[in-house]
């Protein structure tokens, strides 16, 4: 487990430059989050960064800690939006133990939201094929 007092800038040893004047909200937000200590991340912060596949090795275990307590944890989009971001990651490159944790989270989950249901079904198909 990484030192949660550190930021992704510190952990990845990569200081992101200031976004340009024409940068989108998402670019500015991701840059801000890249500089924030991990201990200050909330569900929405995790959703944003994992949705952009930024800092995955450090943020995915934190997201799974949240999802194991509340599978439909919600950022600013919809119930289960963090889970949807996690399920959309490239699982062929993730650690097996993390894959097993996600499998346990979605095992009996039957969400009503079609986007989340599709993400779960896609994850289950991919897991069955591996």
Protein backbone atom coordinates (compact mmCIF):
# COMPACT_ATOMS: atom_id res chain seq x y z
CA UNK A 1 0.00 0.00 0.00
CA UNK A 2 1.47 3.35 -0.96
CA UNK A 3 1.95 6.17 1.52
CA UNK A 4 -1.42 7.91 1.27
CA UNK A 5 0.12 11.22 2.28
CA UNK A 6 1.81 11.31 -1.14
CA UNK A 7 0.36 12.44 -4.44
CA UNK A 8 0.56 10.71 -7.80
CA UNK A 9 3.15 13.37 -8.71
CA UNK A 10 5.30 11.92 -5.90
CA UNK A 11 4.47 8.25 -6.35
CA UNK A 12 4.94 8.21 -10.11
CA UNK A 13 7.91 10.60 -9.88
CA UNK A 14 6.32 12.69 -12.60
CA UNK A 15 5.41 16.30 -11.95
CA UNK A 16 2.68 17.37 -14.32
CA UNK A 17 3.02 20.86 -15.80
CA UNK A 18 0.37 23.54 -15.41
CA UNK A 19 -2.42 23.03 -17.94
CA UNK A 20 -2.54 25.63 -20.70
CA UNK A 21 -5.02 28.48 -20.80
CA UNK A 22 -7.19 26.53 -23.27
CA UNK A 23 -7.18 23.30 -21.25
CA UNK A 24 -10.51 21.60 -20.70
CA UNK A 25 -12.10 21.25 -17.28
CA UNK A 26 -11.15 17.57 -17.27
CA UNK A 27 -7.48 18.28 -17.96
CA UNK A 28 -7.38 20.92 -15.22
CA UNK A 29 -9.17 18.62 -12.77
CA UNK A 30 -6.91 15.63 -13.49
CA UNK A 31 -3.83 17.82 -13.06
CA UNK A 32 -5.17 19.06 -9.73
CA UNK A 33 -5.91 15.51 -8.58
CA UNK A 34 -2.49 14.28 -9.71
CA UNK A 35 -1.01 16.72 -7.18
CA UNK A 36 -3.42 15.88 -4.32
CA UNK A 37 -2.41 13.46 -1.54
CA UNK A 38 -4.20 10.13 -2.01
CA UNK A 39 -5.64 10.34 1.51
CA UNK A 40 -7.75 13.29 0.32
CA UNK A 41 -9.37 11.44 -2.61
CA UNK A 42 -13.10 10.88 -2.46
CA UNK A 43 -15.30 8.66 -4.61
CA UNK A 44 -15.65 11.24 -7.37
CA UNK A 45 -11.89 11.83 -7.49
CA UNK A 46 -11.28 8.09 -7.87
CA UNK A 47 -13.97 7.87 -10.57
CA UNK A 48 -12.46 10.70 -12.57
CA UNK A 49 -8.89 9.45 -12.44
CA UNK A 50 -9.69 5.79 -13.05
CA UNK A 51 -12.06 6.79 -15.84
CA UNK A 52 -9.07 8.45 -17.48
CA UNK A 53 -6.82 5.50 -16.56
CA UNK A 54 -4.51 7.73 -14.54
CA UNK A 55 -2.65 6.37 -11.52
CA UNK A 56 -4.36 3.00 -11.77
CA UNK A 57 -1.76 0.97 -9.80
CA UNK A 58 -2.18 3.34 -6.84
CA UNK A 59 -5.86 4.26 -7.09
CA UNK A 60 -7.44 0.92 -7.99
CA UNK A 61 -6.81 -0.66 -4.57
CA UNK A 62 -8.31 2.44 -2.92
CA UNK A 63 -11.37 2.24 -5.17
CA UNK A 64 -11.81 -1.44 -4.35
CA UNK A 65 -11.71 -0.63 -0.63
CA UNK A 66 -14.65 1.74 -1.24
CA UNK A 67 -16.53 -0.70 -3.47
CA UNK A 68 -16.19 -3.62 -1.07
CA UNK A 69 -18.11 -1.55 1.48
CA UNK A 70 -20.57 -0.05 -1.00
CA UNK A 71 -20.63 -1.60 -4.51
CA UNK A 72 -22.84 1.19 -5.85
CA UNK A 73 -20.74 4.00 -4.36
CA UNK A 74 -21.55 7.18 -6.23
CA UNK A 75 -19.41 10.06 -7.42
CA UNK A 76 -21.18 12.87 -9.25
CA UNK A 77 -22.77 10.82 -12.03
CA UNK A 78 -24.97 7.92 -10.88
CA UNK A 79 -25.08 5.14 -8.28
CA UNK A 80 -22.31 2.72 -9.24
CA UNK A 81 -20.32 5.20 -11.34
CA UNK A 82 -17.08 4.31 -9.53
CA UNK A 83 -17.69 0.63 -10.20
CA UNK A 84 -18.38 1.39 -13.87
CA UNK A 85 -15.02 3.20 -14.14
CA UNK A 86 -13.26 0.26 -12.48
CA UNK A 87 -14.94 -2.29 -14.73
CA UNK A 88 -13.91 -0.38 -17.86
CA UNK A 89 -10.19 -0.65 -17.04
CA UNK A 90 -7.97 -2.94 -19.07
CA UNK A 91 -8.10 -5.99 -16.84
CA UNK A 92 -5.53 -7.89 -18.91
CA UNK A 93 -2.82 -5.79 -17.25
CA UNK A 94 -4.14 -5.68 -13.67
CA UNK A 95 -2.93 -7.80 -10.78
CA UNK A 96 -4.78 -11.08 -10.30
CA UNK A 97 -5.65 -10.33 -6.66
CA UNK A 98 -7.36 -7.08 -7.71
CA UNK A 99 -9.27 -8.93 -10.43
CA UNK A 100 -10.48 -11.41 -7.80
CA UNK A 101 -11.65 -8.56 -5.58
CA UNK A 102 -13.71 -7.06 -8.43
CA UNK A 103 -15.14 -10.47 -9.29
CA UNK A 104 -16.32 -10.83 -5.69
CA UNK A 105 -17.86 -7.33 -5.74
CA UNK A 106 -19.93 -7.98 -8.89
CA UNK A 107 -20.71 -11.66 -8.21
CA UNK A 108 -24.34 -11.14 -7.17
CA UNK A 109 -24.84 -7.56 -8.29
CA UNK A 110 -27.87 -6.94 -10.54
CA UNK A 111 -27.98 -3.16 -11.10
CA UNK A 112 -30.92 -1.45 -12.77
CA UNK A 113 -28.77 1.13 -14.56
CA UNK A 114 -28.20 -0.18 -18.12
CA UNK A 115 -24.72 1.38 -18.44
CA UNK A 116 -23.54 -0.28 -15.24
CA UNK A 117 -25.27 -3.56 -16.12
CA UNK A 118 -23.46 -3.54 -19.47
CA UNK A 119 -20.11 -2.85 -17.79
CA UNK A 120 -20.66 -5.74 -15.37
CA UNK A 121 -21.69 -8.11 -18.16
CA UNK A 122 -18.66 -7.11 -20.24
CA UNK A 123 -16.36 -7.67 -17.25
CA UNK A 124 -17.94 -11.09 -16.58
CA UNK A 125 -17.49 -12.14 -20.24
CA UNK A 126 -13.86 -11.03 -20.21
CA UNK A 127 -13.25 -12.81 -16.91
CA UNK A 128 -14.83 -16.01 -18.22
CA UNK A 129 -12.55 -15.90 -21.26
CA UNK A 130 -9.34 -15.54 -19.26
